[in-house]
């Protein structure tokens, strides 16, 4: 349905879950996909898995909190392709500890990975997008950035920051034909849910008006749409993909 032939797409946090499904979806749409992961072993495993599906994908594992390392990686990608069209910032961590049990270091770690890392990658990519007067930047937010959550303040706080960054950069980059949006997933069937009992899951599913937990492909499809020309007049949007779930 979507055609990204000759487009260069970078996906951070692309080795599993939503990120991996997003990488796979863009590969199927004929994009040149580059995935980022947190370590060499997970990156190599993901690239090998994609190769068995018939897709050649480049993999990198820069420290996203190190701006110079990120910039060097982005520079290498640009040198190889001559353009970078789509950036999907999906890398992130969650947390569910109550504030009394959360140290300042815990809080800083979540905010750094979920927000500072996005800043570093966008800052590295944006000169190349401005040069071509074109680009799409998509960030992974969360439903809890809108509704909050009863435990784990660092996670919704960091994702609320992602929303603010998204809306502000949409305004800053609009004159350069660069669109910036975010997708706010609801409850998605990823590895994090694999150890959750049916006793816990059933009430969660019952609370979702559409009557099911979301799939990684639901989020990947949202990224595909927002990155496509079909969304050429959409920027500064936080798109909820949550089955109409409310906290």
Protein backbone atom coordinates (compact mmCIF):
# COMPACT_ATOMS: atom_id res chain seq x y z
CA UNK A 1 0.00 0.00 0.00
CA UNK A 2 2.79 2.41 0.91
CA UNK A 3 5.77 2.93 -1.37
CA UNK A 4 9.02 4.16 0.16
CA UNK A 5 11.31 3.03 -2.64
CA UNK A 6 14.67 4.83 -2.50
CA UNK A 7 13.75 6.50 0.81
CA UNK A 8 16.22 6.23 3.68
CA UNK A 9 14.53 5.42 6.98
CA UNK A 10 16.22 5.27 10.40
CA UNK A 11 14.47 3.47 13.26
CA UNK A 12 15.92 3.67 16.77
CA UNK A 13 15.01 0.87 19.16
CA UNK A 14 14.51 -1.28 16.08
CA UNK A 15 15.59 -4.69 17.33
CA UNK A 16 12.35 -5.89 18.92
CA UNK A 17 8.70 -5.16 19.59
CA UNK A 18 7.22 -2.07 17.98
CA UNK A 19 10.59 -1.02 16.57
CA UNK A 20 11.27 -4.32 14.85
CA UNK A 21 7.76 -4.46 13.39
CA UNK A 22 8.25 -0.90 12.12
CA UNK A 23 11.55 -1.84 10.49
CA UNK A 24 9.90 -4.84 8.84
CA UNK A 25 6.97 -2.75 7.59
CA UNK A 26 9.24 -0.17 5.97
CA UNK A 27 11.33 -2.97 4.42
CA UNK A 28 8.16 -4.37 2.86
CA UNK A 29 7.50 -0.89 1.51
CA UNK A 30 10.90 -0.97 -0.27
CA UNK A 31 12.69 1.57 1.93
CA UNK A 32 16.39 1.52 2.70
CA UNK A 33 16.13 0.88 6.43
CA UNK A 34 18.76 1.46 9.09
CA UNK A 35 18.02 0.17 12.58
CA UNK A 36 19.61 1.28 15.83
CA UNK A 37 19.83 -0.96 18.89
CA UNK A 38 21.38 -0.78 22.32
CA UNK A 39 24.05 -3.45 21.78
CA UNK A 40 25.81 -5.29 18.98
CA UNK A 41 24.33 -8.71 19.75
CA UNK A 42 20.69 -7.57 19.49
CA UNK A 43 21.43 -5.53 16.36
CA UNK A 44 23.16 -8.46 14.65
CA UNK A 45 20.36 -10.81 15.64
CA UNK A 46 17.68 -8.48 14.24
CA UNK A 47 19.59 -7.92 10.99
CA UNK A 48 20.11 -11.67 10.55
CA UNK A 49 16.43 -12.33 11.17
CA UNK A 50 15.47 -9.72 8.58
CA UNK A 51 17.92 -11.22 6.11
CA UNK A 52 16.12 -14.56 6.32
CA UNK A 53 12.99 -12.62 5.30
CA UNK A 54 14.84 -11.30 2.26
CA UNK A 55 15.70 -7.83 3.55
CA UNK A 56 19.16 -6.28 3.81
CA UNK A 57 19.21 -3.83 6.69
CA UNK A 58 22.08 -1.83 8.14
CA UNK A 59 22.41 -1.95 11.90
CA UNK A 60 24.19 0.37 14.34
CA UNK A 61 24.43 0.53 18.11
CA UNK A 62 25.54 4.05 19.06
CA UNK A 63 25.14 5.32 22.60
CA UNK A 64 22.16 7.60 22.03
CA UNK A 65 23.10 9.67 25.07
CA UNK A 66 26.46 10.57 23.51
CA UNK A 67 25.80 13.32 20.97
CA UNK A 68 29.18 13.03 19.26
CA UNK A 69 28.78 9.28 18.80
CA UNK A 70 25.27 9.71 17.43
CA UNK A 71 26.42 12.46 15.06
CA UNK A 72 29.24 10.30 13.73
CA UNK A 73 26.79 7.48 13.02
CA UNK A 74 24.36 9.81 11.26
CA UNK A 75 27.22 11.30 9.24
CA UNK A 76 28.23 7.79 8.14
CA UNK A 77 24.68 7.02 7.01
CA UNK A 78 24.45 10.27 5.08
CA UNK A 79 27.81 9.59 3.43
CA UNK A 80 26.52 6.23 2.25
CA UNK A 81 23.13 7.34 0.91
CA UNK A 82 23.37 11.09 0.33
CA UNK A 83 20.04 11.75 2.05
CA UNK A 84 18.01 10.82 5.12
CA UNK A 85 14.26 10.99 4.62
CA UNK A 86 12.55 9.54 7.68
CA UNK A 87 13.64 9.30 11.31
CA UNK A 88 11.60 7.25 13.77
CA UNK A 89 12.65 7.74 17.38
CA UNK A 90 11.37 4.59 19.06
CA UNK A 91 14.11 3.72 21.58
CA UNK A 92 12.92 4.05 25.15
CA UNK A 93 12.54 2.52 28.59
CA UNK A 94 9.60 2.20 30.95
CA UNK A 95 9.28 2.45 34.71
CA UNK A 96 6.49 1.73 37.18
CA UNK A 97 8.06 2.50 40.56
CA UNK A 98 6.28 4.79 42.98
CA UNK A 99 7.97 8.12 43.57
CA UNK A 100 9.12 7.12 47.08
CA UNK A 101 11.03 4.22 45.51
CA UNK A 102 12.43 6.26 42.62
CA UNK A 103 15.88 7.77 43.09
CA UNK A 104 16.92 10.92 41.28
CA UNK A 105 19.27 8.70 39.27
CA UNK A 106 16.35 6.44 38.28
CA UNK A 107 14.33 9.44 37.18
CA UNK A 108 17.22 10.92 35.20
CA UNK A 109 17.90 7.61 33.42
CA UNK A 110 14.34 7.33 32.12
CA UNK A 111 14.19 10.97 31.05
CA UNK A 112 17.60 10.76 29.38
CA UNK A 113 16.80 7.67 27.33
CA UNK A 114 13.26 8.69 26.45
CA UNK A 115 13.90 12.37 25.75
CA UNK A 116 17.57 13.39 25.62
CA UNK A 117 18.31 10.56 23.16
CA UNK A 118 15.60 11.87 20.82
CA UNK A 119 17.13 15.34 21.05
CA UNK A 120 20.57 14.00 20.14
CA UNK A 121 19.37 12.05 17.10
CA UNK A 122 17.17 14.86 15.77
CA UNK A 123 19.96 17.41 16.26
CA UNK A 124 22.28 15.15 14.23
CA UNK A 125 19.79 14.47 11.43
CA UNK A 126 18.19 17.87 10.95
CA UNK A 127 21.01 19.61 8.99
CA UNK A 128 20.75 16.92 6.29
CA UNK A 129 16.96 17.20 6.11
CA UNK A 130 17.17 20.98 5.88
CA UNK A 131 19.72 20.63 3.08
CA UNK A 132 17.19 18.63 1.02
CA UNK A 133 14.23 20.75 2.18
CA UNK A 134 12.42 17.55 3.10
CA UNK A 135 12.07 15.17 6.01
CA UNK A 136 9.75 13.32 8.36
CA UNK A 137 10.49 12.88 12.05
CA UNK A 138 8.26 10.58 14.11
CA UNK A 139 8.55 10.05 17.85
CA UNK A 140 7.13 7.33 20.05
CA UNK A 141 5.08 8.81 22.87
CA UNK A 142 2.57 6.93 25.05
CA UNK A 143 -1.04 7.07 26.15
CA UNK A 144 0.21 7.80 29.68
CA UNK A 145 1.67 11.08 28.44
CA UNK A 146 -1.97 12.15 28.05
CA UNK A 147 -3.68 10.36 30.97
CA UNK A 148 -0.82 9.80 33.39
CA UNK A 149 -0.39 6.63 35.43
CA UNK A 150 -0.74 5.82 39.10
CA UNK A 151 2.80 4.53 39.52
CA UNK A 152 6.00 5.36 37.65
CA UNK A 153 6.05 9.13 37.30
CA UNK A 154 9.30 9.28 35.31
CA UNK A 155 7.82 7.48 32.30
CA UNK A 156 4.77 9.69 31.67
CA UNK A 157 6.84 12.78 32.50
CA UNK A 158 9.41 11.84 29.86
CA UNK A 159 6.74 11.08 27.28
CA UNK A 160 4.97 14.37 28.04
CA UNK A 161 8.33 15.92 27.20
CA UNK A 162 8.34 14.02 23.91
CA UNK A 163 4.97 15.59 23.10
CA UNK A 164 6.26 19.09 23.81
CA UNK A 165 9.39 18.50 21.75
CA UNK A 166 7.28 17.14 18.88
CA UNK A 167 4.90 20.09 18.77
CA UNK A 168 7.66 22.68 19.12
CA UNK A 169 9.91 21.17 16.44
CA UNK A 170 6.93 20.85 14.09
CA UNK A 171 6.68 24.65 14.21
CA UNK A 172 10.43 25.18 13.94
CA UNK A 173 10.92 22.85 10.96
CA UNK A 174 7.73 23.54 8.99
CA UNK A 175 9.41 26.25 6.83
CA UNK A 176 11.86 23.55 5.66
CA UNK A 177 9.11 21.10 4.61
CA UNK A 178 10.02 18.83 7.53
CA UNK A 179 7.09 17.28 9.37
CA UNK A 180 7.27 16.19 13.01
CA UNK A 181 4.61 14.00 14.63
CA UNK A 182 4.34 11.45 17.43
CA UNK A 183 2.43 8.23 17.94
CA UNK A 184 1.08 7.52 21.42
CA UNK A 185 0.54 3.76 21.74
CA UNK A 186 -1.87 2.26 24.22
CA UNK A 187 -1.47 -1.24 25.63
CA UNK A 188 0.51 -3.17 23.00
CA UNK A 189 1.32 -6.89 22.89
CA UNK A 190 5.10 -6.82 23.20
CA UNK A 191 7.69 -8.68 25.28
CA UNK A 192 6.75 -6.57 28.29
CA UNK A 193 3.31 -8.24 28.38
CA UNK A 194 4.60 -11.80 27.94
CA UNK A 195 4.92 -12.34 31.70
CA UNK A 196 1.64 -10.68 32.60
CA UNK A 197 -0.98 -13.15 33.83
CA UNK A 198 -4.44 -13.56 32.33
CA UNK A 199 -5.80 -12.38 35.65
CA UNK A 200 -4.17 -9.00 35.04
CA UNK A 201 -4.70 -8.90 31.27
CA UNK A 202 -8.44 -9.62 31.21
CA UNK A 203 -9.43 -6.44 33.09
CA UNK A 204 -7.08 -4.45 30.86
CA UNK A 205 -8.72 -5.80 27.72
CA UNK A 206 -12.17 -5.16 29.20
CA UNK A 207 -11.21 -1.49 29.73
CA UNK A 208 -10.44 -1.03 26.02
CA UNK A 209 -13.57 -0.13 23.99
CA UNK A 210 -12.28 -1.95 20.90
CA UNK A 211 -12.01 -5.08 23.02
CA UNK A 212 -8.43 -6.10 22.33
CA UNK A 213 -4.83 -5.29 23.11
CA UNK A 214 -2.97 -3.54 20.30
CA UNK A 215 -0.38 -5.24 18.14
CA UNK A 216 3.04 -3.87 17.18
CA UNK A 217 1.77 -3.78 13.59
CA UNK A 218 -0.94 -1.30 14.66
CA UNK A 219 1.77 1.15 15.66
CA UNK A 220 3.96 0.36 12.63
CA UNK A 221 0.99 1.11 10.37
CA UNK A 222 0.55 4.49 12.06
CA UNK A 223 4.23 5.27 11.44
CA UNK A 224 3.88 4.21 7.79
CA UNK A 225 0.92 6.51 7.27
CA UNK A 226 2.48 9.51 9.00
CA UNK A 227 5.72 9.06 7.05
CA UNK A 228 3.90 8.80 3.72
CA UNK A 229 2.80 11.48 1.27
CA UNK A 230 -0.77 10.73 2.34
CA UNK A 231 0.04 12.64 5.54
CA UNK A 232 1.80 15.54 3.82
CA UNK A 233 -0.40 18.14 5.55
CA UNK A 234 -0.11 16.62 9.03
CA UNK A 235 2.47 17.95 11.46
CA UNK A 236 2.61 18.68 15.18
CA UNK A 237 0.15 15.88 15.95
CA UNK A 238 0.23 13.36 18.81
CA UNK A 239 -1.68 10.43 17.29
CA UNK A 240 -3.27 8.13 19.89
CA UNK A 241 -3.33 4.49 18.82
CA UNK A 242 -4.94 2.92 21.86
CA UNK A 243 -8.33 1.45 20.96
CA UNK A 244 -9.99 4.47 22.65
CA UNK A 245 -8.59 3.34 26.01
CA UNK A 246 -8.87 5.78 28.87
CA UNK A 247 -7.12 5.60 32.19
